[in-house]
């Protein structure tokens, strides 16, 4: 798309599409020299496409990669959306990076006996940029663990992505003051049976969680040998593993199953003239038609269901809904509107029907 835009802005008219729609889609698609086609289709039979002309986009992509590998021109590589930015936050909150920087020894890990590195108190949060920890001189200046010379602590903190990448392990042993978690408890309980999270976590958070979990497992932080690795002659050893739930194979995966619940969308109102989102107090009910109209102009607003946000004024306070209709009616209404994995369009008006149904069930039980 960027190449096409470049050609348009520079009056380059000799544009030839290299991919065209499937035959059944050609009537609805525009592949002229002035509109780019970005969907999955068929490679055009032109000299530039060579022997791959006429192949479907997906098949052609695989064939091109295979040909590049055979000819020694390249190979297939999977790139994950993992970045190291989560380890370099210039913020006060977060776990300090446990590294000491020494002019003589370089970067030196903080000794295990001095962990965890705790945040200093009384730090000035000025908002001037840079890490606030760099101004906490009493905390910043320290001794090098190797040469005992003057050194400085690392002033960056770990992002909250690091914490959320292993919290499920801490839940198994939340009161352990000596270790992050007991290896045997983690070995017996992992993996998590089902992970329920929003779709916004489906890429980054789960990648980081899987990376951290695999790292801890491979470094033997947990995941004790299963029964197959204990000799059959060692009956006591196998019995001990079985009693702890460890007599099974485990490959370090953190979660067995993923359920990403859909977004909750709220009813949104816009001014048809400006496209501006309207607050609830900018609308009024027309007594003659029972329709909502814009206060002052009398126009009908444009309505749509969109992701709830403060800027769109379409949020719903759950506590207020529970107080008005009851917790049971609210829960049943959510289940009635959509399956957990689908987008839920919140409709406050229809919850009354669910409340009436619960009342009927209550009267039936009482009778």
Foldseek 3Di string as FASTA:
>chain_A
DVVLVVCVVVVNQPADAQFAAAPVCRVPDDPDSNDHDDDWHFGDPDVVLPPRHGPTPVVSVVVVQVVCVVVVNDHDDDDAPDDPVQFFAQEQDAFFQQWKADPPPGTDGHDPVPPDLDGDPPFDDDVPDGHSSVVVVVSFWAADPPPRHIIGGHRGHGHCLLVLLCVVQCVQPVPDPNDSHDQLSCLQDDAAAEDEEAPVCVGHSQVSSLVVQQVCVVVPVHQDDAPVVDDPVPPVVNVVCVVSNNNDHDRRGRYDYYAHFAAEWFKWWADVVPRATDAPVQWDADPVPRAIAGPPPRHHTDIDTDGDDPRRNGDDDVVVLCVVQNPVLVVVVQVVQDPRRYYGYDDSVCSVVSSVVVVVVVVVVVD
